[in-house]
Every structure is written in structure tokens, then in C-alpha cells.
C-alpha atoms as a PDB file:
ATOM      1  CA  MET A   1     136.606 -62.757 -53.620  1.00  0.00           C
ATOM      2  CA  ILE A   2     136.187 -62.262 -49.882  1.00  0.00           C
ATOM      3  CA  TYR A   3     138.905 -64.834 -49.239  1.00  0.00           C
ATOM      4  CA  LEU A   4     141.387 -62.880 -51.372  1.00  0.00           C
ATOM      5  CA  PHE A   5     140.433 -59.656 -49.613  1.00  0.00           C
ATOM      6  CA  LEU A   6     141.034 -61.248 -46.208  1.00  0.00           C
ATOM      7  CA  GLN A   7     144.399 -62.584 -47.335  1.00  0.00           C
ATOM      8  CA  LEU A   8     145.394 -59.135 -48.567  1.00  0.00           C
ATOM      9  CA  LEU A   9     144.238 -57.567 -45.300  1.00  0.00           C
ATOM     10  CA  LEU A  10     146.203 -60.077 -43.236  1.00  0.00           C
ATOM     11  CA  PHE A  11     149.260 -59.507 -45.413  1.00  0.00           C
ATOM     12  CA  ILE A  12     149.072 -55.741 -44.855  1.00  0.00           C
ATOM     13  CA  LEU A  13     148.545 -56.136 -41.113  1.00  0.00           C
ATOM     14  CA  ALA A  14     151.387 -58.627 -40.825  1.00  0.00           C
ATOM     15  CA  ARG A  15     153.756 -56.250 -42.570  1.00  0.00           C
ATOM     16  CA  SER A  16     152.963 -53.529 -40.037  1.00  0.00           C
ATOM     17  CA  GLU A  17     154.558 -55.774 -37.357  1.00  0.00           C
ATOM     18  CA  VAL A  18     151.699 -55.198 -34.949  1.00  0.00           C
ATOM     19  CA  ILE A  19     149.970 -58.563 -35.227  1.00  0.00           C
ATOM     20  CA  TYR A  20     151.987 -61.721 -34.738  1.00  0.00           C
ATOM     21  CA  THR A  21     150.336 -64.947 -35.777  1.00  0.00           C
ATOM     22  CA  TYR A  22     151.221 -68.366 -34.369  1.00  0.00           C
ATOM     23  CA  SER A  23     152.966 -69.310 -37.609  1.00  0.00           C
ATOM     24  CA  MET A  24     155.202 -66.240 -37.417  1.00  0.00           C
ATOM     25  CA  ILE A  25     156.089 -66.935 -33.776  1.00  0.00           C
ATOM     26  CA  SER A  26     156.732 -70.608 -34.413  1.00  0.00           C
ATOM     27  CA  GLU A  27     158.990 -69.680 -37.341  1.00  0.00           C
ATOM     28  CA  VAL A  28     161.131 -67.539 -35.036  1.00  0.00           C
ATOM     29  CA  ILE A  29     161.220 -70.329 -32.467  1.00  0.00           C
ATOM     30  CA  ARG A  30     162.268 -72.867 -35.106  1.00  0.00           C
ATOM     31  CA  VAL A  31     165.230 -70.709 -36.092  1.00  0.00           C
ATOM     32  CA  SER A  32     166.501 -70.319 -32.531  1.00  0.00           C
ATOM     33  CA  ARG A  33     165.941 -73.892 -31.338  1.00  0.00           C
ATOM     34  CA  TYR A  34     167.189 -77.248 -32.432  1.00  0.00           C
ATOM     35  CA  ARG A  35     165.075 -79.141 -34.911  1.00  0.00           C
ATOM     36  CA  PHE A  36     162.541 -80.943 -32.763  1.00  0.00           C
ATOM     37  CA  PRO A  37     159.574 -82.886 -34.097  1.00  0.00           C
ATOM     38  CA  PRO A  38     156.571 -80.584 -34.678  1.00  0.00           C
ATOM     39  CA  TRP A  39     154.543 -82.039 -31.804  1.00  0.00           C
ATOM     40  CA  LEU A  40     157.407 -81.503 -29.360  1.00  0.00           C
ATOM     41  CA  ASP A  41     157.969 -77.974 -30.651  1.00  0.00           C
ATOM     42  CA  LYS A  42     154.319 -77.121 -29.972  1.00  0.00           C
ATOM     43  CA  CYS A  43     154.504 -78.661 -26.488  1.00  0.00           C
ATOM     44  CA  ILE A  44     157.581 -76.577 -25.676  1.00  0.00           C
ATOM     45  CA  CYS A  45     155.874 -73.438 -26.982  1.00  0.00           C
ATOM     46  CA  VAL A  46     152.794 -74.088 -24.827  1.00  0.00           C
ATOM     47  CA  LEU A  47     154.948 -74.842 -21.781  1.00  0.00           C
ATOM     48  CA  GLU A  48     156.940 -71.651 -22.313  1.00  0.00           C
ATOM     49  CA  LYS A  49     153.769 -69.554 -22.318  1.00  0.00           C
ATOM     50  CA  ALA A  50     152.149 -71.376 -19.374  1.00  0.00           C
ATOM     51  CA  ILE A  51     155.099 -71.629 -16.981  1.00  0.00           C
ATOM     52  CA  LEU A  52     154.798 -68.113 -15.502  1.00  0.00           C
ATOM     53  CA  PRO A  53     151.149 -68.384 -14.339  1.00  0.00           C
ATOM     54  CA  ILE A  54     151.839 -71.855 -12.947  1.00  0.00           C
ATOM     55  CA  LEU A  55     154.935 -70.513 -11.178  1.00  0.00           C
ATOM     56  CA  ILE A  56     152.999 -67.618  -9.627  1.00  0.00           C
ATOM     57  CA  PHE A  57     150.220 -69.971  -8.452  1.00  0.00           C
ATOM     58  CA  GLN A  58     152.761 -72.352  -6.935  1.00  0.00           C
ATOM     59  CA  LEU A  59     154.556 -69.471  -5.199  1.00  0.00           C
ATOM     60  CA  ILE A  60     151.300 -68.282  -3.598  1.00  0.00           C
ATOM     61  CA  ARG A  61     150.412 -71.863  -2.634  1.00  0.00           C
ATOM     62  CA  THR A  62     153.857 -72.359  -1.094  1.00  0.00           C
ATOM     63  CA  LEU A  63     153.504 -69.181   0.950  1.00  0.00           C
ATOM     64  CA  PHE A  64     150.260 -70.416   2.529  1.00  0.00           C
ATOM     65  CA  LEU A  65     150.793 -74.211   2.640  1.00  0.00           C
ATOM     66  CA  THR A  66     154.477 -74.916   2.943  1.00  0.00           C
ATOM     67  CA  THR A  67     155.445 -78.550   2.535  1.00  0.00           C
ATOM     68  CA  THR A  68     158.600 -80.204   1.280  1.00  0.00           C
ATOM     69  CA  PHE A  69     156.873 -81.231  -1.948  1.00  0.00           C
ATOM     70  CA  ASP A  70     155.764 -77.613  -2.593  1.00  0.00           C
ATOM     71  CA  LEU A  71     159.299 -76.313  -2.104  1.00  0.00           C
ATOM     72  CA  ILE A  72     160.765 -78.936  -4.436  1.00  0.00           C
ATOM     73  CA  LEU A  73     158.091 -78.262  -7.066  1.00  0.00           C
ATOM     74  CA  LEU A  74     158.654 -74.503  -6.761  1.00  0.00           C
ATOM     75  CA  GLY A  75     162.400 -75.006  -7.239  1.00  0.00           C
ATOM     76  CA  ILE A  76     161.823 -77.120 -10.349  1.00  0.00           C
ATOM     77  CA  LEU A  77     159.418 -74.535 -11.806  1.00  0.00           C
ATOM     78  CA  ILE A  78     161.868 -71.681 -11.120  1.00  0.00           C
ATOM     79  CA  GLY A  79     164.605 -73.695 -12.829  1.00  0.00           C
ATOM     80  CA  ILE A  80     162.423 -74.305 -15.893  1.00  0.00           C
ATOM     81  CA  PHE A  81     161.443 -70.621 -16.002  1.00  0.00           C
ATOM     82  CA  ILE A  82     165.086 -69.500 -15.841  1.00  0.00           C
ATOM     83  CA  ALA A  83     166.015 -72.021 -18.554  1.00  0.00           C
ATOM     84  CA  PHE A  84     163.340 -70.592 -20.858  1.00  0.00           C
ATOM     85  CA  HIS A  85     164.287 -67.012 -20.003  1.00  0.00           C
ATOM     86  CA  LEU A  86     167.979 -67.588 -20.760  1.00  0.00           C
ATOM     87  CA  ARG A  87     167.079 -69.562 -23.945  1.00  0.00           C
ATOM     88  CA  TRP A  88     168.669 -72.777 -22.714  1.00  0.00           C
ATOM     89  CA  ILE A  89     165.599 -74.702 -23.872  1.00  0.00           C
END
């Protein structure tokens, strides 16, 4: 009985478009991307969410400790971030 109540509550909350579950987000991603294997789709989703904090950390690290490797890594991270932002990946 409690299980049915929770399902009904989640259904009502999901229809209000305030709460987005992982399954709803992954469904939108699956429509806009090519059909990748499920494990690769999850890896891309995790990378898309984690790239901005990693990019900010690398930018701060590059400002204080500038090396050639840091600049190359920062360029690669900026390229990946732009690719995700423009929906190339």
C-alpha cells in the first residue's frame, strides 16, 4: 500500500516538472544523441556533469603553477566543455 502511494506521489511530482529524475534526464539525452551502449551513455552523462568543476580547478591550478602540460590539459578541457555546450557530443 505504501509502495503504491509513493508511486502516485512521484507521478504527481514528476508531472509538475519540478523534479527531474535520472531516468527522465537520460531519456532526453537518448533522444538527442546517437545510440550508444548504455554504459557509454552513462559515462558521457557523468563526464558532462563533471567537466565544469574539473575545468575550474584546472584553470586555478594553471594560474598558480603554469607548465606546458597544464596549458595543454586546460586547452583539452575547454575543447571538451565547448563540445558538450554546443551539443557536438
